[in-house]
Amino acid sequence: MANPDLLEQLLDQLAHAVSQRLVGSRAPAAKPGRGGGKRHFSPEAIARMREGARRRWAHKRGGSAAPAAAKAAPAKAARKARKGGGMSAEGAARIRAAQKARWAKWRKANAK
């Protein structure tokens, strides 16, 4: 008769293969060599990521990566000038006047 240990080993392998097959049909198989869970970065890698983020923000702001208190006021003025758009006082006055006229018309129509 067959060796009981060999038989158990074969049954375990078969059960494992079947369970892997069932799991694989519902979800994509994990890539080999990739562990799950949270990624851990070395302190050097974190420092490089921080420096890159500082440089990107500095580029977006139009300045350098080194923050300086003396540069804060001119940088703020430059951002405001670069932003553009906005509304003139004359345009705002026209909108206010038109809105007042609309409300006056509505009040007159709904007066009792």
Protein backbone atom coordinates (compact mmCIF):
# COMPACT_ATOMS: atom_id res chain seq x y z
CA MET A 1 0.00 0.00 0.00
CA ALA A 2 1.08 3.66 -0.50
CA ASN A 3 3.11 5.53 2.05
CA PRO A 4 0.69 7.55 4.33
CA ASP A 5 3.12 10.47 4.54
CA LEU A 6 3.41 10.67 0.79
CA LEU A 7 -0.35 10.49 0.44
CA GLU A 8 -0.85 13.35 2.93
CA GLN A 9 1.78 15.41 1.19
CA LEU A 10 0.10 14.92 -2.18
CA LEU A 11 -3.32 15.79 -0.74
CA ASP A 12 -1.91 18.97 0.81
CA GLN A 13 -0.36 19.96 -2.50
CA LEU A 14 -3.63 19.30 -4.29
CA ALA A 15 -5.63 21.31 -1.75
CA HIS A 16 -3.17 24.19 -2.01
CA ALA A 17 -3.31 24.14 -5.83
CA VAL A 18 -7.12 24.12 -5.80
CA SER A 19 -7.33 26.99 -3.30
CA GLN A 20 -4.84 29.02 -5.34
CA ARG A 21 -6.86 28.37 -8.47
CA LEU A 22 -10.09 29.50 -6.80
CA VAL A 23 -8.51 32.64 -5.39
CA GLY A 24 -6.86 33.40 -8.71
CA SER A 25 -10.17 33.33 -10.56
CA ARG A 26 -11.62 36.12 -8.39
CA ALA A 27 -8.61 38.39 -8.03
CA PRO A 28 -5.50 38.94 -10.11
CA ALA A 29 -2.46 37.06 -8.87
CA ALA A 30 0.17 39.03 -7.00
CA LYS A 31 3.29 39.88 -8.93
CA PRO A 32 6.22 37.75 -7.90
CA GLY A 33 8.75 39.51 -5.73
CA ARG A 34 6.31 42.17 -4.53
CA GLY A 35 5.35 42.01 -0.88
CA GLY A 36 2.10 43.53 0.25
CA GLY A 37 1.74 46.12 2.95
CA LYS A 38 3.09 49.57 3.61
CA ARG A 39 6.15 50.78 1.75
CA HIS A 40 9.14 51.75 3.81
CA PHE A 41 11.61 54.34 2.56
CA SER A 42 15.09 54.98 3.79
CA PRO A 43 15.81 58.35 5.41
CA GLU A 44 17.89 59.28 2.36
CA ALA A 45 14.98 58.50 0.02
CA ILE A 46 12.62 60.57 2.18
CA ALA A 47 15.08 63.47 2.11
CA ARG A 48 15.27 63.25 -1.71
CA MET A 49 11.47 63.24 -1.97
CA ARG A 50 11.19 66.26 0.33
CA GLU A 51 13.82 68.15 -1.66
CA GLY A 52 12.02 67.36 -4.90
CA ALA A 53 8.73 68.57 -3.46
CA ARG A 54 10.38 71.80 -2.28
CA ARG A 55 11.86 72.35 -5.73
CA ARG A 56 8.53 71.71 -7.46
CA TRP A 57 6.69 74.15 -5.19
CA ALA A 58 9.45 76.72 -5.56
CA HIS A 59 9.23 76.41 -9.34
CA LYS A 60 5.47 76.79 -9.19
CA ARG A 61 5.81 79.88 -6.99
CA GLY A 62 8.49 81.27 -9.24
CA GLY A 63 11.20 81.40 -6.59
CA SER A 64 14.09 79.31 -5.37
CA ALA A 65 13.93 76.27 -3.10
CA ALA A 66 15.48 78.11 -0.12
CA PRO A 67 12.82 80.00 1.85
CA ALA A 68 13.87 83.51 2.87
CA ALA A 69 11.91 86.03 4.92
CA ALA A 70 13.29 88.91 2.86
CA LYS A 71 11.95 87.39 -0.35
CA ALA A 72 8.44 86.82 1.03
CA ALA A 73 7.00 90.27 0.28
CA PRO A 74 8.31 90.58 -3.30
CA ALA A 75 7.28 86.99 -4.06
CA LYS A 76 3.74 87.68 -2.82
CA ALA A 77 3.51 90.79 -4.99
CA ALA A 78 4.84 88.86 -7.98
CA ARG A 79 2.27 86.09 -7.45
CA LYS A 80 -0.52 88.65 -7.25
CA ALA A 81 0.67 90.36 -10.44
CA ARG A 82 1.06 87.03 -12.22
CA LYS A 83 -2.40 85.84 -11.14
CA GLY A 84 -4.18 88.30 -13.39
CA GLY A 85 -7.92 88.42 -13.89
CA GLY A 86 -9.96 90.15 -11.26
CA MET A 87 -12.54 92.84 -11.64
CA SER A 88 -12.20 96.59 -11.94
CA ALA A 89 -14.02 98.88 -9.55
CA GLU A 90 -16.05 100.16 -12.48
CA GLY A 91 -17.16 96.64 -13.44
CA ALA A 92 -18.12 95.82 -9.84
CA ALA A 93 -20.17 99.04 -9.65
CA ARG A 94 -22.07 98.10 -12.83
CA ILE A 95 -22.86 94.65 -11.42
CA ARG A 96 -24.04 96.14 -8.11
CA ALA A 97 -26.27 98.62 -9.92
CA ALA A 98 -27.79 95.91 -12.12
CA GLN A 99 -28.42 93.68 -9.08
CA LYS A 100 -30.08 96.54 -7.19
CA ALA A 101 -32.31 97.16 -10.21
CA ARG A 102 -33.26 93.45 -10.33
CA TRP A 103 -34.17 93.41 -6.63
CA ALA A 104 -36.16 96.65 -6.99
CA LYS A 105 -38.10 95.11 -9.87
CA TRP A 106 -38.75 91.93 -7.83
CA ARG A 107 -39.89 93.93 -4.78
CA LYS A 108 -42.25 96.00 -6.91
CA ALA A 109 -43.73 92.87 -8.51
CA ASN A 110 -44.18 91.11 -5.14
CA ALA A 111 -45.43 94.10 -3.14
CA LYS A 112 -48.79 93.64 -1.47
